[in-house]
Amino acid sequence: MVVKVYGPEYASSKRVIVTLIEKEIEFEVVDVDAFKGENKSLDYLKLQPFGLLPAIQDGDYTLFESRAIIRYYAEKYKSRGTELFGKCYLLFPFHQQWLEVEAHNFNPPLNTLVIHTIFSSKLGITPDQKVIQENEVKLGKVLDIYEERLSTNKYLAGDFFSLADLSHLQLGHYLLNGAGKEYMIRDRKHVSAWWDVISNRPSWKKVLQLFPYLN
């Protein structure tokens, strides 16, 4: 059964799509334009009652929240494609730990930066320079911790590429392309090297080819 991914143009949906590509899982996309309010339609709300993107349908199975979706497919198809949890069970907690760090420390300030530097006009808001500056400082502190971690590990969870790394690609790409904050990656030697490795994976290049990052 082909997996349906709703809202392919949006960052969280791309988190799901790049995982499906890494796991060699067939998928098709269903366009949902949140800027036009299509995510609030009655049909979509039956899939995702909060009206957020993405949601997936896998036969009769429906799931939402992008990180829950990628964990599900990484486990369900553990032996297919890229091993995204690591081969040693002792490393599993580190993978989960850094995936949580991405969700709760990296994502919030960067998401705010992206809203105010890239999508403000589409959202009908005026960019707030104070908010931009405050969240730039917050993100910088997170990336300083990443710099220390990546000085002794090739990837966040250890020496293997995992969901913890993959989950940074979507908003991280905005940081370097559109938000005008490339220095935040490039001024940190180890973060920069890590970013170059993960962003050059064929799976992510395919996502960018299929779904250009600014829409």
N, C-alpha and C. Protein backbone atom coordinates (compact mmCIF):
# COMPACT_ATOMS: atom_id res chain seq x y z
N MET A 1 0.84 -1.19 0.00
CA MET A 1 0.00 0.00 0.00
C MET A 1 0.88 1.25 0.00
N VAL A 2 0.57 2.20 -0.89
CA VAL A 2 1.34 3.44 -0.99
C VAL A 2 0.90 4.40 0.12
N VAL A 3 1.86 5.01 0.80
CA VAL A 3 1.58 5.95 1.87
C VAL A 3 1.20 7.30 1.27
N LYS A 4 0.11 7.87 1.74
CA LYS A 4 -0.30 9.21 1.33
C LYS A 4 0.21 10.22 2.36
N VAL A 5 0.91 11.25 1.89
CA VAL A 5 1.43 12.30 2.76
C VAL A 5 0.72 13.59 2.40
N TYR A 6 0.07 14.18 3.40
CA TYR A 6 -0.69 15.41 3.18
C TYR A 6 0.16 16.64 3.47
N GLY A 7 0.11 17.60 2.53
CA GLY A 7 0.83 18.86 2.72
C GLY A 7 2.31 18.77 2.44
N PRO A 8 2.72 18.27 1.27
CA PRO A 8 4.15 17.99 1.02
C PRO A 8 5.05 19.21 0.99
N GLU A 9 4.49 20.40 0.76
CA GLU A 9 5.32 21.59 0.63
C GLU A 9 5.80 22.13 1.97
N TYR A 10 5.25 21.64 3.07
CA TYR A 10 5.55 22.22 4.38
C TYR A 10 6.67 21.45 5.08
N ALA A 11 7.36 22.15 5.97
CA ALA A 11 8.59 21.62 6.57
C ALA A 11 8.37 20.29 7.28
N SER A 12 7.36 20.21 8.13
CA SER A 12 7.15 18.97 8.89
C SER A 12 6.80 17.81 7.98
N SER A 13 6.08 18.10 6.89
CA SER A 13 5.76 17.05 5.93
C SER A 13 7.03 16.53 5.25
N LYS A 14 7.97 17.44 5.00
CA LYS A 14 9.23 17.02 4.38
C LYS A 14 10.04 16.14 5.32
N ARG A 15 9.88 16.34 6.62
CA ARG A 15 10.51 15.44 7.60
C ARG A 15 10.03 14.01 7.38
N VAL A 16 8.75 13.86 7.12
CA VAL A 16 8.17 12.55 6.86
C VAL A 16 8.65 12.00 5.52
N ILE A 17 8.63 12.84 4.50
CA ILE A 17 8.98 12.38 3.16
C ILE A 17 10.43 11.92 3.07
N VAL A 18 11.34 12.67 3.69
CA VAL A 18 12.75 12.26 3.63
C VAL A 18 12.95 10.94 4.36
N THR A 19 12.18 10.71 5.42
CA THR A 19 12.25 9.42 6.12
C THR A 19 11.76 8.29 5.23
N LEU A 20 10.66 8.51 4.54
CA LEU A 20 10.13 7.48 3.64
C LEU A 20 11.12 7.15 2.54
N ILE A 21 11.81 8.17 2.03
CA ILE A 21 12.81 7.93 0.99
C ILE A 21 13.98 7.13 1.56
N GLU A 22 14.45 7.50 2.75
CA GLU A 22 15.55 6.75 3.39
C GLU A 22 15.15 5.29 3.62
N LYS A 23 13.87 5.05 3.93
CA LYS A 23 13.40 3.69 4.22
C LYS A 23 12.88 2.97 2.97
N GLU A 24 12.99 3.63 1.81
CA GLU A 24 12.60 3.02 0.53
C GLU A 24 11.13 2.60 0.54
N ILE A 25 10.29 3.51 1.04
CA ILE A 25 8.85 3.27 1.12
C ILE A 25 8.15 4.14 0.07
N GLU A 26 7.28 3.52 -0.72
CA GLU A 26 6.54 4.26 -1.73
C GLU A 26 5.56 5.23 -1.08
N PHE A 27 5.43 6.40 -1.70
CA PHE A 27 4.48 7.37 -1.17
C PHE A 27 3.91 8.19 -2.31
N GLU A 28 2.78 8.78 -2.04
CA GLU A 28 2.21 9.78 -2.93
C GLU A 28 1.82 10.97 -2.07
N VAL A 29 1.70 12.14 -2.68
CA VAL A 29 1.42 13.34 -1.91
C VAL A 29 0.03 13.88 -2.24
N VAL A 30 -0.57 14.50 -1.25
CA VAL A 30 -1.86 15.16 -1.40
C VAL A 30 -1.67 16.62 -0.99
N ASP A 31 -1.84 17.52 -1.93
CA ASP A 31 -1.62 18.94 -1.64
C ASP A 31 -2.67 19.48 -0.67
N VAL A 32 -2.20 20.15 0.35
CA VAL A 32 -3.06 20.86 1.30
C VAL A 32 -2.41 22.21 1.52
N ASP A 33 -3.09 23.28 1.12
CA ASP A 33 -2.52 24.62 1.22
C ASP A 33 -3.00 25.28 2.51
N ALA A 34 -2.12 25.29 3.50
CA ALA A 34 -2.48 25.88 4.79
C ALA A 34 -2.65 27.39 4.69
N PHE A 35 -1.93 28.04 3.76
CA PHE A 35 -2.08 29.48 3.61
C PHE A 35 -3.47 29.86 3.10
N LYS A 36 -4.15 28.89 2.45
CA LYS A 36 -5.52 29.11 1.99
C LYS A 36 -6.54 28.50 2.94
N GLY A 37 -6.06 27.94 4.04
CA GLY A 37 -6.96 27.37 5.04
C GLY A 37 -7.48 25.99 4.72
N GLU A 38 -6.87 25.31 3.75
CA GLU A 38 -7.34 23.98 3.37
C GLU A 38 -7.14 22.95 4.47
N ASN A 39 -6.23 23.26 5.39
CA ASN A 39 -6.00 22.35 6.53
C ASN A 39 -7.12 22.43 7.56
N LYS A 40 -8.05 23.34 7.37
CA LYS A 40 -9.19 23.47 8.29
C LYS A 40 -10.49 22.92 7.67
N SER A 41 -10.36 22.31 6.51
CA SER A 41 -11.54 21.73 5.87
C SER A 41 -12.04 20.54 6.68
N LEU A 42 -13.31 20.25 6.57
CA LEU A 42 -13.89 19.14 7.33
C LEU A 42 -13.25 17.81 6.97
N ASP A 43 -12.94 17.63 5.69
CA ASP A 43 -12.31 16.36 5.27
C ASP A 43 -10.94 16.19 5.89
N TYR A 44 -10.14 17.29 5.91
CA TYR A 44 -8.80 17.16 6.49
C TYR A 44 -8.86 16.99 8.00
N LEU A 45 -9.79 17.68 8.65
CA LEU A 45 -9.91 17.58 10.10
C LEU A 45 -10.30 16.17 10.56
N LYS A 46 -10.86 15.38 9.67
CA LYS A 46 -11.14 13.99 10.00
C LYS A 46 -9.83 13.19 10.14
N LEU A 47 -8.79 13.65 9.44
CA LEU A 47 -7.47 13.00 9.52
C LEU A 47 -6.62 13.59 10.64
N GLN A 48 -6.68 14.91 10.78
CA GLN A 48 -5.85 15.62 11.75
C GLN A 48 -6.76 16.62 12.48
N PRO A 49 -7.31 16.25 13.61
CA PRO A 49 -8.32 17.08 14.27
C PRO A 49 -7.84 18.45 14.72
N PHE A 50 -6.51 18.66 14.77
CA PHE A 50 -5.98 19.96 15.15
C PHE A 50 -5.70 20.84 13.93
N GLY A 51 -5.87 20.26 12.74
CA GLY A 51 -5.68 21.03 11.52
C GLY A 51 -4.24 21.36 11.19
N LEU A 52 -3.32 20.58 11.71
CA LEU A 52 -1.90 20.82 11.45
C LEU A 52 -1.39 19.86 10.39
N LEU A 53 -0.26 20.21 9.79
CA LEU A 53 0.37 19.36 8.79
C LEU A 53 1.66 18.79 9.35
N PRO A 54 1.97 17.53 8.99
CA PRO A 54 1.27 16.67 8.04
C PRO A 54 0.33 15.68 8.74
N ALA A 55 -0.30 14.88 7.89
CA ALA A 55 -0.95 13.65 8.32
C ALA A 55 -0.63 12.62 7.25
N ILE A 56 -0.70 11.35 7.61
CA ILE A 56 -0.48 10.31 6.60
C ILE A 56 -1.62 9.30 6.66
N GLN A 57 -1.85 8.67 5.51
CA GLN A 57 -2.75 7.53 5.43
C GLN A 57 -1.97 6.37 4.84
N ASP A 58 -2.04 5.26 5.52
CA ASP A 58 -1.34 4.05 5.09
C ASP A 58 -2.40 2.95 5.08
N GLY A 59 -3.11 2.82 3.96
CA GLY A 59 -4.26 1.93 3.94
C GLY A 59 -5.35 2.49 4.84
N ASP A 60 -5.78 1.70 5.81
CA ASP A 60 -6.79 2.16 6.76
C ASP A 60 -6.18 2.85 7.97
N TYR A 61 -4.86 2.95 7.98
CA TYR A 61 -4.14 3.49 9.13
C TYR A 61 -3.87 4.97 8.91
N THR A 62 -4.26 5.80 9.87
CA THR A 62 -4.03 7.25 9.82
C THR A 62 -3.18 7.67 11.01
N LEU A 63 -2.23 8.55 10.76
CA LEU A 63 -1.35 9.01 11.83
C LEU A 63 -0.98 10.46 11.57
N PHE A 64 -0.86 11.26 12.64
CA PHE A 64 -0.38 12.62 12.50
C PHE A 64 0.70 12.90 13.54
N GLU A 65 1.30 14.08 13.47
CA GLU A 65 2.50 14.50 14.21
C GLU A 65 3.73 13.87 13.55
N SER A 66 4.53 14.74 12.92
CA SER A 66 5.61 14.25 12.05
C SER A 66 6.63 13.37 12.77
N ARG A 67 6.98 13.71 13.99
CA ARG A 67 7.99 12.90 14.68
C ARG A 67 7.43 11.54 15.09
N ALA A 68 6.15 11.48 15.40
CA ALA A 68 5.52 10.19 15.67
C ALA A 68 5.51 9.34 14.40
N ILE A 69 5.25 9.99 13.27
CA ILE A 69 5.21 9.27 11.99
C ILE A 69 6.58 8.70 11.64
N ILE A 70 7.62 9.51 11.78
CA ILE A 70 8.95 9.01 11.38
C ILE A 70 9.44 7.92 12.32
N ARG A 71 9.10 8.01 13.60
CA ARG A 71 9.45 6.93 14.53
C ARG A 71 8.73 5.64 14.12
N TYR A 72 7.49 5.78 13.75
CA TYR A 72 6.69 4.62 13.36
C TYR A 72 7.31 3.89 12.17
N TYR A 73 7.68 4.63 11.13
CA TYR A 73 8.22 3.99 9.93
C TYR A 73 9.65 3.49 10.15
N ALA A 74 10.41 4.19 10.96
CA ALA A 74 11.76 3.71 11.26
C ALA A 74 11.73 2.37 11.99
N GLU A 75 10.73 2.18 12.82
CA GLU A 75 10.59 0.92 13.56
C GLU A 75 9.91 -0.14 12.72
N LYS A 76 8.82 0.20 12.04
CA LYS A 76 8.07 -0.77 11.24
C LYS A 76 8.93 -1.38 10.15
N TYR A 77 9.77 -0.56 9.52
CA TYR A 77 10.63 -1.04 8.44
C TYR A 77 12.10 -0.98 8.86
N LYS A 78 12.36 -1.45 10.04
CA LYS A 78 13.70 -1.37 10.62
C LYS A 78 14.76 -2.00 9.72
N SER A 79 14.42 -3.10 9.05
CA SER A 79 15.41 -3.82 8.24
C SER A 79 15.46 -3.34 6.80
N ARG A 80 14.67 -2.33 6.45
CA ARG A 80 14.63 -1.83 5.08
C ARG A 80 15.34 -0.48 5.00
N GLY A 81 16.09 -0.27 3.94
CA GLY A 81 16.72 1.02 3.72
C GLY A 81 17.72 1.38 4.81
N THR A 82 17.80 2.65 5.14
CA THR A 82 18.75 3.14 6.14
C THR A 82 18.27 2.79 7.54
N GLU A 83 19.17 2.27 8.37
CA GLU A 83 18.86 2.01 9.78
C GLU A 83 18.91 3.33 10.52
N LEU A 84 17.76 3.83 10.92
CA LEU A 84 17.67 5.18 11.49
C LEU A 84 17.61 5.20 13.01
N PHE A 85 17.71 4.04 13.64
CA PHE A 85 17.75 3.97 15.09
C PHE A 85 19.13 3.57 15.61
N GLY A 86 20.01 3.15 14.73
CA GLY A 86 21.30 2.62 15.17
C GLY A 86 21.21 1.12 15.40
N LYS A 87 22.30 0.43 15.18
CA LYS A 87 22.29 -1.03 15.27
C LYS A 87 22.46 -1.55 16.68
N CYS A 88 22.95 -0.71 17.58
CA CYS A 88 23.18 -1.15 18.96
C CYS A 88 22.09 -0.57 19.86
N TYR A 89 21.43 -1.42 20.62
CA TYR A 89 20.34 -0.96 21.48
C TYR A 89 20.83 0.04 22.54
N LEU A 90 22.11 -0.01 22.86
CA LEU A 90 22.65 0.92 23.87
C LEU A 90 22.67 2.36 23.36
N LEU A 91 22.64 2.52 22.04
CA LEU A 91 22.66 3.86 21.45
C LEU A 91 21.25 4.44 21.29
N PHE A 92 20.24 3.60 21.43
CA PHE A 92 18.86 4.03 21.20
C PHE A 92 18.47 5.23 22.07
N PRO A 93 18.81 5.25 23.36
CA PRO A 93 18.44 6.41 24.18
C PRO A 93 19.05 7.72 23.69
N PHE A 94 20.26 7.67 23.14
CA PHE A 94 20.89 8.89 22.65
C PHE A 94 20.15 9.43 21.43
N HIS A 95 19.73 8.52 20.57
CA HIS A 95 18.94 8.92 19.40
C HIS A 95 17.65 9.60 19.84
N GLN A 96 16.95 8.99 20.80
CA GLN A 96 15.70 9.56 21.29
C GLN A 96 15.95 10.90 22.00
N GLN A 97 17.02 10.97 22.74
CA GLN A 97 17.36 12.19 23.47
C GLN A 97 17.53 13.37 22.52
N TRP A 98 18.31 13.18 21.44
CA TRP A 98 18.60 14.28 20.54
C TRP A 98 17.43 14.59 19.62
N LEU A 99 16.57 13.62 19.39
CA LEU A 99 15.34 13.90 18.66
C LEU A 99 14.44 14.81 19.50
N GLU A 100 14.43 14.59 20.80
CA GLU A 100 13.67 15.46 21.71
C GLU A 100 14.31 16.85 21.79
N VAL A 101 15.63 16.90 21.77
CA VAL A 101 16.31 18.19 21.78
C VAL A 101 15.91 19.00 20.54
N GLU A 102 15.88 18.34 19.40
CA GLU A 102 15.46 19.02 18.17
C GLU A 102 14.06 19.59 18.32
N ALA A 103 13.15 18.79 18.88
CA ALA A 103 11.75 19.20 19.00
C ALA A 103 11.57 20.35 19.98
N HIS A 104 12.29 20.32 21.09
CA HIS A 104 12.01 21.26 22.18
C HIS A 104 13.00 22.41 22.33
N ASN A 105 14.19 22.27 21.73
CA ASN A 105 15.21 23.31 21.87
C ASN A 105 15.58 23.98 20.55
N PHE A 106 15.78 23.16 19.51
CA PHE A 106 16.18 23.68 18.20
C PHE A 106 15.00 24.24 17.43
N ASN A 107 13.92 23.49 17.36
CA ASN A 107 12.79 23.84 16.52
C ASN A 107 12.08 25.14 16.92
N PRO A 108 11.76 25.36 18.21
CA PRO A 108 10.96 26.54 18.55
C PRO A 108 11.58 27.89 18.15
N PRO A 109 12.84 28.18 18.51
CA PRO A 109 13.38 29.48 18.10
C PRO A 109 13.56 29.59 16.59
N LEU A 110 13.95 28.49 15.93
CA LEU A 110 14.15 28.55 14.49
C LEU A 110 12.81 28.72 13.77
N ASN A 111 11.79 28.06 14.24
CA ASN A 111 10.47 28.20 13.63
C ASN A 111 10.01 29.66 13.72
N THR A 112 10.24 30.30 14.85
CA THR A 112 9.88 31.71 15.00
C THR A 112 10.68 32.58 14.05
N LEU A 113 11.98 32.30 13.91
CA LEU A 113 12.81 33.05 12.97
C LEU A 113 12.28 32.91 11.55
N VAL A 114 11.94 31.70 11.17
CA VAL A 114 11.44 31.43 9.81
C VAL A 114 10.14 32.19 9.56
N ILE A 115 9.25 32.18 10.53
CA ILE A 115 7.98 32.90 10.38
C ILE A 115 8.22 34.39 10.15
N HIS A 116 9.15 34.98 10.90
CA HIS A 116 9.36 36.42 10.82
C HIS A 116 10.30 36.85 9.70
N THR A 117 11.10 35.94 9.16
CA THR A 117 12.04 36.34 8.11
C THR A 117 11.63 35.86 6.72
N ILE A 118 10.80 34.80 6.65
CA ILE A 118 10.45 34.22 5.35
C ILE A 118 8.96 34.29 5.06
N PHE A 119 8.14 33.91 6.01
CA PHE A 119 6.72 33.72 5.72
C PHE A 119 5.80 34.79 6.33
N SER A 120 6.36 35.88 6.79
CA SER A 120 5.54 36.91 7.43
C SER A 120 4.46 37.46 6.50
N SER A 121 4.83 37.69 5.23
CA SER A 121 3.85 38.27 4.31
C SER A 121 2.71 37.31 4.03
N LYS A 122 3.02 36.02 3.89
CA LYS A 122 1.98 35.03 3.64
C LYS A 122 1.08 34.85 4.85
N LEU A 123 1.64 35.07 6.03
CA LEU A 123 0.87 34.91 7.26
C LEU A 123 0.19 36.20 7.69
N GLY A 124 0.49 37.28 6.98
CA GLY A 124 -0.15 38.55 7.28
C GLY A 124 0.33 39.19 8.56
N ILE A 125 1.61 38.98 8.90
CA ILE A 125 2.16 39.59 10.10
C ILE A 125 3.33 40.50 9.72
N THR A 126 3.62 41.45 10.59
CA THR A 126 4.76 42.35 10.38
C THR A 126 5.99 41.77 11.09
N PRO A 127 7.10 41.58 10.37
CA PRO A 127 8.31 41.06 11.02
C PRO A 127 8.70 41.90 12.21
N ASP A 128 8.96 41.25 13.31
CA ASP A 128 9.32 41.94 14.55
C ASP A 128 10.81 41.73 14.80
N GLN A 129 11.59 42.78 14.65
CA GLN A 129 13.04 42.66 14.78
C GLN A 129 13.47 42.25 16.19
N LYS A 130 12.71 42.66 17.18
CA LYS A 130 13.03 42.26 18.55
C LYS A 130 12.86 40.75 18.71
N VAL A 131 11.77 40.23 18.18
CA VAL A 131 11.50 38.78 18.24
C VAL A 131 12.58 38.03 17.47
N ILE A 132 12.95 38.54 16.32
CA ILE A 132 14.00 37.91 15.52
C ILE A 132 15.30 37.85 16.31
N GLN A 133 15.68 38.96 16.90
CA GLN A 133 16.94 39.02 17.66
C GLN A 133 16.91 38.07 18.85
N GLU A 134 15.81 38.07 19.60
CA GLU A 134 15.70 37.22 20.79
C GLU A 134 15.82 35.74 20.42
N ASN A 135 15.18 35.35 19.34
CA ASN A 135 15.21 33.94 18.95
C ASN A 135 16.51 33.56 18.28
N GLU A 136 17.17 34.52 17.68
CA GLU A 136 18.51 34.27 17.14
C GLU A 136 19.47 33.96 18.29
N VAL A 137 19.36 34.69 19.38
CA VAL A 137 20.19 34.44 20.56
C VAL A 137 19.88 33.07 21.15
N LYS A 138 18.59 32.74 21.27
CA LYS A 138 18.20 31.43 21.80
C LYS A 138 18.75 30.30 20.95
N LEU A 139 18.60 30.43 19.64
CA LEU A 139 19.09 29.39 18.74
C LEU A 139 20.60 29.28 18.80
N GLY A 140 21.28 30.42 18.93
CA GLY A 140 22.73 30.40 19.03
C GLY A 140 23.22 29.59 20.22
N LYS A 141 22.53 29.72 21.33
CA LYS A 141 22.90 28.96 22.53
C LYS A 141 22.72 27.46 22.30
N VAL A 142 21.66 27.10 21.59
CA VAL A 142 21.43 25.68 21.26
C VAL A 142 22.54 25.17 20.36
N LEU A 143 22.89 25.96 19.36
CA LEU A 143 23.92 25.54 18.41
C LEU A 143 25.30 25.48 19.06
N ASP A 144 25.53 26.26 20.09
CA ASP A 144 26.79 26.15 20.83
C ASP A 144 26.90 24.78 21.51
N ILE A 145 25.79 24.30 22.02
CA ILE A 145 25.77 22.96 22.63
C ILE A 145 25.98 21.90 21.55
N TYR A 146 25.37 22.09 20.39
CA TYR A 146 25.58 21.18 19.28
C TYR A 146 27.05 21.15 18.88
N GLU A 147 27.67 22.33 18.84
CA GLU A 147 29.07 22.41 18.45
C GLU A 147 29.94 21.57 19.38
N GLU A 148 29.67 21.63 20.66
CA GLU A 148 30.44 20.82 21.61
C GLU A 148 30.18 19.34 21.40
N ARG A 149 28.91 18.97 21.24
CA ARG A 149 28.55 17.57 21.01
C ARG A 149 29.20 17.02 19.75
N LEU A 150 29.15 17.80 18.67
CA LEU A 150 29.65 17.33 17.38
C LEU A 150 31.17 17.42 17.26
N SER A 151 31.82 17.99 18.27
CA SER A 151 33.28 17.99 18.28
C SER A 151 33.83 16.61 18.62
N THR A 152 32.99 15.76 19.20
CA THR A 152 33.43 14.41 19.57
C THR A 152 32.59 13.31 18.91
N ASN A 153 31.56 13.70 18.17
CA ASN A 153 30.69 12.73 17.50
C ASN A 153 30.38 13.23 16.09
N LYS A 154 30.41 12.34 15.12
CA LYS A 154 30.11 12.74 13.75
C LYS A 154 28.66 13.16 13.61
N TYR A 155 27.78 12.44 14.31
CA TYR A 155 26.35 12.74 14.30
C TYR A 155 25.87 12.96 15.73
N LEU A 156 24.66 13.44 15.88
CA LEU A 156 24.19 13.79 17.21
C LEU A 156 24.09 12.60 18.16
N ALA A 157 23.63 11.47 17.64
CA ALA A 157 23.45 10.30 18.50
C ALA A 157 24.70 9.44 18.61
N GLY A 158 25.74 9.76 17.86
CA GLY A 158 26.95 8.95 17.87
C GLY A 158 27.62 9.01 16.51
N ASP A 159 28.03 7.85 16.02
CA ASP A 159 28.71 7.79 14.73
C ASP A 159 27.81 7.28 13.62
N PHE A 160 26.50 7.37 13.79
CA PHE A 160 25.58 6.91 12.77
C PHE A 160 24.51 7.97 12.52
N PHE A 161 24.10 8.08 11.27
CA PHE A 161 23.01 8.97 10.89
C PHE A 161 21.69 8.41 11.40
N SER A 162 20.91 9.28 12.03
CA SER A 162 19.66 8.80 12.63
C SER A 162 18.54 9.80 12.42
N LEU A 163 17.36 9.46 12.91
CA LEU A 163 16.23 10.38 12.87
C LEU A 163 16.56 11.69 13.56
N ALA A 164 17.43 11.63 14.57
CA ALA A 164 17.80 12.85 15.30
C ALA A 164 18.46 13.87 14.37
N ASP A 165 19.29 13.39 13.44
CA ASP A 165 19.92 14.28 12.47
C ASP A 165 18.92 14.67 11.38
N LEU A 166 18.26 13.69 10.85
CA LEU A 166 17.30 13.89 9.75
C LEU A 166 16.26 14.95 10.09
N SER A 167 15.83 14.98 11.34
CA SER A 167 14.75 15.86 11.75
C SER A 167 15.14 17.34 11.72
N HIS A 168 16.42 17.63 11.57
CA HIS A 168 16.89 19.02 11.50
C HIS A 168 16.88 19.59 10.08
N LEU A 169 16.72 18.74 9.08
CA LEU A 169 16.93 19.17 7.71
C LEU A 169 15.96 20.25 7.24
N GLN A 170 14.70 20.11 7.62
CA GLN A 170 13.66 20.96 7.05
C GLN A 170 13.84 22.43 7.44
N LEU A 171 13.80 22.71 8.74
CA LEU A 171 13.95 24.10 9.18
C LEU A 171 15.41 24.56 9.05
N GLY A 172 16.35 23.63 9.21
CA GLY A 172 17.75 23.99 9.03
C GLY A 172 18.00 24.53 7.63
N HIS A 173 17.34 23.96 6.65
CA HIS A 173 17.50 24.44 5.28
C HIS A 173 17.02 25.89 5.15
N TYR A 174 15.93 26.22 5.81
CA TYR A 174 15.44 27.60 5.80
C TYR A 174 16.46 28.55 6.42
N LEU A 175 17.14 28.10 7.45
CA LEU A 175 18.11 28.95 8.14
C LEU A 175 19.20 29.41 7.18
N LEU A 176 19.63 28.50 6.30
CA LEU A 176 20.69 28.82 5.35
C LEU A 176 20.16 29.39 4.04
N ASN A 177 18.90 29.17 3.77
CA ASN A 177 18.33 29.56 2.48
C ASN A 177 17.01 30.28 2.69
N GLY A 178 17.08 31.58 2.81
CA GLY A 178 15.87 32.37 2.94
C GLY A 178 15.84 33.23 4.18
N ALA A 179 16.27 32.67 5.30
CA ALA A 179 16.25 33.43 6.56
C ALA A 179 17.43 34.38 6.68
N GLY A 180 18.47 34.16 5.86
CA GLY A 180 19.63 35.04 5.91
C GLY A 180 20.50 34.86 7.14
N LYS A 181 20.48 33.66 7.71
CA LYS A 181 21.22 33.40 8.94
C LYS A 181 22.25 32.28 8.76
N GLU A 182 22.82 32.20 7.59
CA GLU A 182 23.77 31.14 7.28
C GLU A 182 24.94 31.12 8.26
N TYR A 183 25.34 32.30 8.73
CA TYR A 183 26.49 32.38 9.64
C TYR A 183 26.30 31.54 10.89
N MET A 184 25.06 31.32 11.30
CA MET A 184 24.80 30.56 12.53
C MET A 184 25.28 29.12 12.41
N ILE A 185 25.28 28.61 11.20
CA ILE A 185 25.83 27.28 10.93
C ILE A 185 27.32 27.38 10.60
N ARG A 186 27.66 28.28 9.69
CA ARG A 186 29.02 28.32 9.15
C ARG A 186 30.06 28.81 10.15
N ASP A 187 29.67 29.59 11.14
CA ASP A 187 30.63 30.06 12.14
C ASP A 187 30.95 29.02 13.20
N ARG A 188 30.29 27.88 13.13
CA ARG A 188 30.55 26.79 14.08
C ARG A 188 31.11 25.61 13.28
N LYS A 189 32.39 25.39 13.43
CA LYS A 189 33.13 24.44 12.58
C LYS A 189 32.48 23.06 12.52
N HIS A 190 32.16 22.50 13.67
CA HIS A 190 31.65 21.13 13.70
C HIS A 190 30.19 21.05 13.30
N VAL A 191 29.42 22.07 13.65
CA VAL A 191 28.02 22.12 13.19
C VAL A 191 28.00 22.25 11.67
N SER A 192 28.88 23.06 11.14
CA SER A 192 28.94 23.26 9.69
C SER A 192 29.29 21.97 8.96
N ALA A 193 30.27 21.23 9.47
CA ALA A 193 30.67 19.96 8.85
C ALA A 193 29.52 18.95 8.92
N TRP A 194 28.87 18.89 10.07
CA TRP A 194 27.71 17.99 10.24
C TRP A 194 26.61 18.36 9.26
N TRP A 195 26.33 19.65 9.14
CA TRP A 195 25.27 20.08 8.24
C TRP A 195 25.59 19.69 6.79
N ASP A 196 26.82 19.86 6.39
CA ASP A 196 27.20 19.52 5.02
C ASP A 196 26.99 18.03 4.75
N VAL A 197 27.28 17.20 5.73
CA VAL A 197 27.10 15.75 5.56
C VAL A 197 25.62 15.39 5.45
N ILE A 198 24.82 15.88 6.37
CA ILE A 198 23.41 15.44 6.36
C ILE A 198 22.62 16.09 5.22
N SER A 199 22.94 17.32 4.86
CA SER A 199 22.17 18.00 3.82
C SER A 199 22.56 17.54 2.42
N ASN A 200 23.65 16.80 2.30
CA ASN A 200 24.05 16.25 1.01
C ASN A 200 23.63 14.81 0.80
N ARG A 201 22.84 14.29 1.71
CA ARG A 201 22.32 12.93 1.50
C ARG A 201 21.39 12.93 0.28
N PRO A 202 21.45 11.88 -0.54
CA PRO A 202 20.60 11.81 -1.73
C PRO A 202 19.11 11.96 -1.42
N SER A 203 18.69 11.47 -0.26
CA SER A 203 17.27 11.55 0.11
C SER A 203 16.82 13.00 0.24
N TRP A 204 17.65 13.82 0.89
CA TRP A 204 17.27 15.23 1.06
C TRP A 204 17.35 15.99 -0.26
N LYS A 205 18.33 15.69 -1.07
CA LYS A 205 18.43 16.33 -2.38
C LYS A 205 17.20 16.01 -3.23
N LYS A 206 16.70 14.79 -3.09
CA LYS A 206 15.50 14.41 -3.83
C LYS A 206 14.29 15.19 -3.33
N VAL A 207 14.19 15.36 -2.02
CA VAL A 207 13.08 16.14 -1.45
C VAL A 207 13.10 17.56 -2.00
N LEU A 208 14.27 18.19 -2.04
CA LEU A 208 14.38 19.56 -2.53
C LEU A 208 14.07 19.65 -4.02
N GLN A 209 14.40 18.60 -4.74
CA GLN A 209 14.09 18.56 -6.17
C GLN A 209 12.58 18.44 -6.39
N LEU A 210 11.94 17.59 -5.60
CA LEU A 210 10.50 17.37 -5.75
C LEU A 210 9.67 18.53 -5.22
N PHE A 211 10.15 19.11 -4.09
CA PHE A 211 9.36 20.14 -3.41
C PHE A 211 10.27 21.31 -3.05
N PRO A 212 10.41 22.29 -3.93
CA PRO A 212 11.28 23.44 -3.66
C PRO A 212 10.96 24.06 -2.31
N TYR A 213 12.01 24.53 -1.62
CA TYR A 213 11.87 24.87 -0.20
C TYR A 213 11.05 26.11 0.05
N LEU A 214 10.96 27.04 -0.89
CA LEU A 214 10.14 28.24 -0.68
C LEU A 214 8.94 28.19 -1.60
N ASN A 215 7.74 28.19 -1.02
CA ASN A 215 6.51 28.10 -1.80
C ASN A 215 5.49 29.11 -1.28
